[in-house]
Amino acid sequence: METPTTTKAVAYLHNGPIDAPDALIDVELEVQPPGPHDLLVEVRAVSVNPVDVKVRASSDPAGTPKVLGYDAAGVVVAVGAQVSAYAVGDEVYYAGDISRPGTNARLHLVDERVVGHKPRTLDFAEAAALPLTSITAWEVLFDRLGLDSGSTGTLLVVGAAGGVGSMVLQLARELPGVRVIAAASRPESVEWVRALGADEVVNSRDFVDEVKALAPSGVDWVFSAFSAGNAEKFAEVLKVRGEVVAIDDPVGLDLMPLKPKSQTWHWELMFTRPLFEPASAYQHQLLDEVARLVDEGVVRTTMTTRLSPIGAETLKQAHRQVESSTTVGKVVIAD
């Protein structure tokens, strides 16, 4: 069977609000042949992350169709000449590379070294909720903070009910010496984070006093999905030489409050490896390990909203929901 030369996709032409006429449109694009390490994937499901919203709103492709999408699950339909880990027919899931066209396309090229075998126990939609947030949470805990099964201390998770926070909670739950305090405010968020393994829950709108009551000597680590205006609060609740890992893009961030106690601020961007270490298979191995944890019942999908079909109007609906910053878990689009 010959590979199609074109594919249906969803793209945007200019940056701006989601309700602009060319915010997201259905297009037909040419399919490029796979590179040496590429898989051509028939996409069955995608999810929407804050990065999709950020890029669509701020990065102007100047009229050239730009395809977003940094999560997908699907089936391999063709492979590059040097592909070694996959074959046609394999079911896969991945977040891809922000420097290449995104996953909001029926056929999508991706480097095998950032792809994992889809968890056997999940359908495509459930699996599509996991890649970007799993990679980010894994790198937060085990790369940036260097935690392992012998680590002891207290972790504060700010933005705990979101996609990445939900995975941080699940992965940290498997570290027996780590106590997890989740910051959440709405009743549905509190219920969600407790179900994912939070030991304690504090109000995310004003967490300092509650955290200090739960951890009078301070917390060891903070994960932050919402850093704007919070550096001083983090400094107050952290121990001497405590550490923060942030994944957002706070404007005008002032880190001086962390200096008196020699506290550390880390950044985490899961696209760093695809961008700067393209030969690394770390994320392939990571996603395979997450799939194993899912199939063993240790980790569950964080999909909470499932929309259909994959197309411009449905993706607009998903972008609006993610932009509201009230989403619990992940929004997924599947046919």
Protein backbone atom coordinates (compact mmCIF):
# COMPACT_ATOMS: atom_id res chain seq x y z
CA MET A 1 0.00 0.00 0.00
CA GLU A 2 1.42 3.37 -1.03
CA THR A 3 1.74 6.14 1.54
CA PRO A 4 -0.55 9.11 0.79
CA THR A 5 1.21 12.22 -0.47
CA THR A 6 -1.09 14.65 1.38
CA THR A 7 -2.80 14.71 4.76
CA LYS A 8 -5.63 16.54 6.45
CA ALA A 9 -4.45 18.75 9.28
CA VAL A 10 -5.49 21.65 11.52
CA ALA A 11 -3.33 24.77 11.29
CA TYR A 12 -3.36 28.47 12.09
CA LEU A 13 -2.20 31.32 9.85
CA HIS A 14 -1.65 34.23 12.26
CA ASN A 15 -1.28 34.51 16.01
CA GLY A 16 -4.18 35.88 17.97
CA PRO A 17 -7.31 34.97 19.92
CA ILE A 18 -8.95 31.61 19.45
CA ASP A 19 -12.10 33.16 17.93
CA ALA A 20 -10.19 34.90 15.11
CA PRO A 21 -11.28 33.61 11.67
CA ASP A 22 -7.89 32.00 10.95
CA ALA A 23 -7.10 30.90 14.51
CA LEU A 24 -7.48 27.21 13.63
CA ILE A 25 -8.56 25.98 10.20
CA ASP A 26 -8.78 22.66 8.38
CA VAL A 27 -6.08 22.34 5.69
CA GLU A 28 -4.57 19.76 3.34
CA LEU A 29 -0.77 19.55 3.53
CA GLU A 30 1.95 17.63 1.73
CA VAL A 31 3.39 14.57 3.48
CA GLN A 32 7.19 14.55 3.46
CA PRO A 33 9.06 11.22 3.20
CA PRO A 34 10.39 9.89 6.53
CA GLY A 35 13.93 10.88 7.51
CA PRO A 36 16.38 8.16 8.59
CA HIS A 37 15.04 7.93 12.17
CA ASP A 38 11.46 9.04 11.45
CA LEU A 39 8.18 7.23 11.92
CA LEU A 40 5.15 8.20 9.87
CA VAL A 41 2.24 7.85 12.27
CA GLU A 42 -1.46 7.68 11.49
CA VAL A 43 -2.73 9.85 14.35
CA ARG A 44 -5.78 8.47 16.17
CA ALA A 45 -5.93 10.93 19.10
CA VAL A 46 -4.30 14.16 20.28
CA SER A 47 -4.50 16.29 23.39
CA VAL A 48 -4.18 20.03 23.98
CA ASN A 49 -1.62 21.49 26.39
CA PRO A 50 -0.97 25.07 27.55
CA VAL A 51 1.98 25.19 25.12
CA ASP A 52 -0.48 24.85 22.21
CA VAL A 53 -2.41 27.87 23.44
CA LYS A 54 0.77 29.86 24.09
CA VAL A 55 2.26 29.23 20.64
CA ARG A 56 -1.02 29.92 18.85
CA ALA A 57 -1.46 33.22 20.67
CA SER A 58 2.11 34.51 20.43
CA SER A 59 3.99 33.00 17.47
CA ASP A 60 2.97 34.44 14.08
CA PRO A 61 3.53 32.13 11.07
CA ALA A 62 2.76 35.11 8.79
CA GLY A 63 0.12 33.36 6.72
CA THR A 64 1.95 30.04 6.28
CA PRO A 65 -0.11 27.21 7.81
CA LYS A 66 1.47 26.12 11.11
CA VAL A 67 0.32 22.87 12.69
CA LEU A 68 0.20 22.68 16.49
CA GLY A 69 -0.10 19.63 18.70
CA TYR A 70 2.39 18.18 21.18
CA ASP A 71 0.69 14.95 22.16
CA ALA A 72 -0.46 12.07 19.99
CA ALA A 73 -1.27 8.38 19.94
CA GLY A 74 -1.52 6.40 16.74
CA VAL A 75 -0.24 3.63 14.49
CA VAL A 76 3.05 3.50 12.57
CA VAL A 77 2.42 3.33 8.80
CA ALA A 78 5.97 3.86 7.48
CA VAL A 79 9.51 3.98 8.90
CA GLY A 80 12.82 5.62 7.96
CA ALA A 81 15.83 3.65 6.78
CA GLN A 82 17.59 3.65 10.16
CA VAL A 83 14.61 3.06 12.45
CA SER A 84 15.38 0.23 14.87
CA ALA A 85 12.77 0.29 17.65
CA TYR A 86 9.52 0.24 15.66
CA ALA A 87 7.81 -1.47 12.74
CA VAL A 88 4.75 -0.74 10.63
CA GLY A 89 1.65 -1.53 12.66
CA ASP A 90 3.11 -0.63 16.06
CA GLU A 91 0.89 1.46 18.35
CA VAL A 92 2.78 4.46 19.73
CA TYR A 93 2.39 7.60 21.82
CA TYR A 94 4.60 10.68 22.02
CA ALA A 95 4.87 14.47 22.42
CA GLY A 96 7.22 15.17 19.52
CA ASP A 97 9.50 18.11 18.88
CA ILE A 98 8.41 21.77 19.02
CA SER A 99 10.75 22.61 16.13
CA ARG A 100 8.80 20.32 13.74
CA PRO A 101 5.16 20.39 12.57
CA GLY A 102 2.77 19.32 15.30
CA THR A 103 0.51 16.33 15.78
CA ASN A 104 -2.81 17.89 14.71
CA ALA A 105 -2.62 16.02 11.41
CA ARG A 106 -3.88 12.68 10.15
CA LEU A 107 -0.34 11.66 9.18
CA HIS A 108 2.59 12.90 11.27
CA LEU A 109 6.37 12.49 11.10
CA VAL A 110 8.25 12.05 14.38
CA ASP A 111 11.73 10.89 15.38
CA GLU A 112 11.58 7.40 16.89
CA ARG A 113 13.89 8.50 19.71
CA VAL A 114 11.13 10.58 21.35
CA VAL A 115 8.40 7.95 20.86
CA GLY A 116 7.12 5.28 23.23
CA HIS A 117 5.10 2.10 22.72
CA LYS A 118 1.51 2.90 23.65
CA PRO A 119 0.32 1.36 26.94
CA ARG A 120 -1.53 -1.83 26.06
CA THR A 121 -4.28 -1.22 28.61
CA LEU A 122 -5.27 2.22 27.27
CA ASP A 123 -7.14 3.21 24.13
CA PHE A 124 -5.66 5.87 21.86
CA ALA A 125 -7.51 8.75 23.52
CA GLU A 126 -6.48 7.72 27.02
CA ALA A 127 -2.87 7.33 25.89
CA ALA A 128 -2.78 10.69 24.08
CA ALA A 129 -3.32 12.46 27.42
CA LEU A 130 0.01 11.28 28.80
CA PRO A 131 3.20 11.94 26.78
CA LEU A 132 4.05 15.63 27.30
CA THR A 133 2.96 15.69 30.92
CA SER A 134 4.62 12.36 31.75
CA ILE A 135 7.94 13.46 30.25
CA THR A 136 7.75 16.82 32.03
CA ALA A 137 6.83 15.34 35.42
CA TRP A 138 9.50 12.64 35.13
CA GLU A 139 12.20 15.18 34.27
CA VAL A 140 11.01 17.47 37.10
CA LEU A 141 11.30 14.80 39.75
CA PHE A 142 14.18 12.64 38.59
CA ASP A 143 16.32 14.99 36.48
CA ARG A 144 15.90 18.48 37.94
CA LEU A 145 15.39 17.43 41.58
CA GLY A 146 17.31 14.14 41.43
CA LEU A 147 14.78 12.24 43.54
CA ASP A 148 14.87 8.47 43.85
CA SER A 149 13.35 5.68 45.91
CA GLY A 150 15.54 6.63 48.87
CA SER A 151 14.68 10.34 48.91
CA THR A 152 12.98 11.80 51.98
CA GLY A 153 11.31 15.18 52.35
CA THR A 154 8.22 17.21 51.49
CA LEU A 155 7.14 18.31 48.02
CA LEU A 156 4.67 21.14 47.42
CA VAL A 157 2.86 20.84 44.07
CA VAL A 158 1.42 24.14 42.81
CA GLY A 159 -0.93 23.58 39.89
CA ALA A 160 -1.57 20.05 41.12
CA ALA A 161 -4.84 19.47 39.27
CA GLY A 162 -3.41 20.36 35.85
CA GLY A 163 -1.91 17.95 33.36
CA VAL A 164 1.69 18.02 34.59
CA GLY A 165 0.72 18.36 38.24
CA SER A 166 -1.46 15.27 37.91
CA MET A 167 1.52 13.26 36.69
CA VAL A 168 3.87 14.70 39.33
CA LEU A 169 1.43 13.49 41.99
CA GLN A 170 1.27 9.97 40.56
CA LEU A 171 5.01 9.56 40.10
CA ALA A 172 5.84 11.09 43.50
CA ARG A 173 3.33 8.75 45.13
CA GLU A 174 5.73 5.90 44.28
CA LEU A 175 8.53 7.50 46.32
CA PRO A 176 7.84 6.20 49.85
CA GLY A 177 9.88 8.84 51.67
CA VAL A 178 8.35 11.84 49.89
CA ARG A 179 5.37 13.57 51.47
CA VAL A 180 3.26 15.44 48.90
CA ILE A 181 1.26 18.60 49.59
CA ALA A 182 -0.98 19.61 46.69
CA ALA A 183 -2.24 23.14 46.15
CA ALA A 184 -5.82 23.17 44.81
CA SER A 185 -8.86 25.33 45.39
CA ARG A 186 -12.08 24.20 43.70
CA PRO A 187 -13.88 21.17 45.19
CA GLU A 188 -13.42 19.10 42.01
CA SER A 189 -9.70 19.90 42.00
CA VAL A 190 -9.33 18.89 45.66
CA GLU A 191 -11.10 15.60 44.98
CA TRP A 192 -8.92 14.97 41.90
CA VAL A 193 -5.57 15.55 43.63
CA ARG A 194 -6.52 13.42 46.62
CA ALA A 195 -7.44 10.57 44.26
CA LEU A 196 -4.03 10.87 42.56
CA GLY A 197 -2.13 10.48 45.81
CA ALA A 198 -1.70 13.85 47.53
CA ASP A 199 -1.02 13.37 51.25
CA GLU A 200 -2.30 16.86 52.12
CA VAL A 201 -4.17 19.59 50.23
CA VAL A 202 -3.87 23.35 50.74
CA ASN A 203 -5.74 26.24 49.12
CA SER A 204 -3.84 27.33 46.01
CA ARG A 205 -5.02 30.96 46.30
CA ASP A 206 -3.24 31.57 49.62
CA PHE A 207 -1.18 28.56 50.57
CA VAL A 208 1.61 29.99 52.73
CA ASP A 209 0.01 29.72 56.17
CA GLU A 210 -1.47 26.30 55.46
CA VAL A 211 1.84 24.94 54.18
CA LYS A 212 3.73 26.34 57.18
CA ALA A 213 1.22 24.68 59.50
CA LEU A 214 1.73 21.33 57.75
CA ALA A 215 5.51 21.69 57.42
CA PRO A 216 6.74 24.07 60.16
CA SER A 217 10.40 23.57 59.25
CA GLY A 218 9.67 24.16 55.56
CA VAL A 219 9.22 22.03 52.46
CA ASP A 220 12.18 20.62 50.57
CA TRP A 221 10.91 21.10 47.04
CA VAL A 222 8.27 23.04 45.08
CA PHE A 223 6.88 22.16 41.68
CA SER A 224 5.32 25.24 40.08
CA ALA A 225 2.98 25.53 37.11
CA PHE A 226 1.96 29.03 38.30
CA SER A 227 4.99 31.11 39.25
CA ALA A 228 3.92 34.72 38.61
CA GLY A 229 3.83 36.55 41.94
CA ASN A 230 4.78 33.42 43.87
CA ALA A 231 8.57 33.57 44.21
CA GLU A 232 8.35 35.29 47.57
CA LYS A 233 5.80 32.75 48.79
CA PHE A 234 7.98 29.86 47.64
CA ALA A 235 10.98 31.36 49.45
CA GLU A 236 8.92 31.62 52.62
CA VAL A 237 7.70 28.02 52.67
CA LEU A 238 10.95 26.41 51.46
CA LYS A 239 13.72 25.21 53.74
CA VAL A 240 17.21 26.63 53.58
CA ARG A 241 18.69 25.42 50.26
CA GLY A 242 15.28 24.26 49.11
CA GLU A 243 14.55 23.90 45.40
CA VAL A 244 11.85 25.08 42.98
CA VAL A 245 11.18 23.59 39.53
CA ALA A 246 8.99 25.75 37.29
CA ILE A 247 7.45 24.93 33.90
CA ASP A 248 5.60 28.17 33.10
CA ASP A 249 6.67 31.53 31.63
CA PRO A 250 6.14 34.16 34.35
CA VAL A 251 6.57 37.73 33.17
CA GLY A 252 8.91 39.93 35.24
CA LEU A 253 9.99 37.13 37.54
CA ASP A 254 12.11 38.34 40.47
CA LEU A 255 14.12 35.56 42.11
CA MET A 256 15.89 37.68 44.73
CA PRO A 257 13.58 36.42 47.54
CA LEU A 258 15.32 33.03 47.17
CA LYS A 259 18.83 34.36 47.78
CA PRO A 260 18.88 34.75 51.60
CA LYS A 261 18.29 31.04 52.16
CA SER A 262 20.43 29.95 49.16
CA GLN A 263 17.39 28.42 47.49
CA THR A 264 17.57 27.18 43.91
CA TRP A 265 15.26 27.83 40.94
CA HIS A 266 15.25 25.23 38.15
CA TRP A 267 13.54 25.42 34.76
CA GLU A 268 12.04 22.37 33.09
CA LEU A 269 11.19 22.24 29.37
CA MET A 270 10.56 18.77 28.00
CA PHE A 271 11.49 19.95 24.47
CA THR A 272 15.11 20.61 25.54
CA ARG A 273 16.27 17.10 24.62
CA PRO A 274 14.61 16.99 21.16
CA LEU A 275 15.94 20.48 20.41
CA PHE A 276 19.51 20.18 21.66
CA GLU A 277 20.20 16.44 22.08
CA PRO A 278 18.38 14.87 19.11
CA ALA A 279 20.41 11.65 19.26
CA SER A 280 19.24 10.95 22.83
CA ALA A 281 16.80 8.08 23.28
CA TYR A 282 16.05 9.13 26.88
CA GLN A 283 12.44 10.15 26.19
CA HIS A 284 11.78 6.94 24.22
CA GLN A 285 12.94 4.92 27.23
CA LEU A 286 11.03 7.18 29.62
CA LEU A 287 7.74 6.74 27.73
CA ASP A 288 8.21 2.98 27.57
CA GLU A 289 8.72 2.98 31.35
CA VAL A 290 5.57 5.07 31.87
CA ALA A 291 3.68 2.62 29.65
CA ARG A 292 4.88 -0.22 31.88
CA LEU A 293 3.69 1.66 34.98
CA VAL A 294 0.30 2.24 33.35
CA ASP A 295 -0.09 -1.40 32.36
CA GLU A 296 0.81 -2.45 35.92
CA GLY A 297 -1.85 -0.15 37.36
CA VAL A 298 0.62 2.24 39.03
CA VAL A 299 -0.19 5.24 36.80
CA ARG A 300 -3.55 6.08 35.25
CA THR A 301 -4.55 8.27 32.35
CA THR A 302 -5.29 11.89 33.22
CA MET A 303 -7.87 12.33 30.46
CA THR A 304 -10.96 14.03 31.89
CA THR A 305 -12.54 15.47 28.73
CA ARG A 306 -12.89 13.59 25.43
CA LEU A 307 -13.97 15.50 22.33
CA SER A 308 -14.61 14.32 18.77
CA PRO A 309 -13.76 14.42 15.89
CA ILE A 310 -10.23 15.67 15.21
CA GLY A 311 -10.84 18.91 13.31
CA ALA A 312 -10.63 22.68 13.55
CA GLU A 313 -13.92 23.30 15.36
CA THR A 314 -13.23 20.63 17.97
CA LEU A 315 -9.70 21.89 18.54
CA LYS A 316 -11.04 25.42 19.00
CA GLN A 317 -13.33 24.09 21.72
CA ALA A 318 -10.37 22.36 23.38
CA HIS A 319 -8.20 25.51 23.20
CA ARG A 320 -10.95 27.57 24.84
CA GLN A 321 -11.20 25.04 27.66
CA VAL A 322 -7.42 24.98 28.26
CA GLU A 323 -7.24 28.80 28.09
CA SER A 324 -9.76 29.02 30.92
CA SER A 325 -7.08 27.67 33.33
CA THR A 326 -9.79 25.74 35.13
CA THR A 327 -9.15 22.39 33.46
CA VAL A 328 -8.72 19.39 35.72
CA GLY A 329 -6.57 16.77 34.02
CA LYS A 330 -6.34 16.71 30.21
CA VAL A 331 -8.54 17.53 27.21
CA VAL A 332 -8.26 14.91 24.44
CA ILE A 333 -9.60 14.88 20.87
CA ALA A 334 -10.16 11.54 19.12
CA ASP A 335 -12.31 10.18 16.32
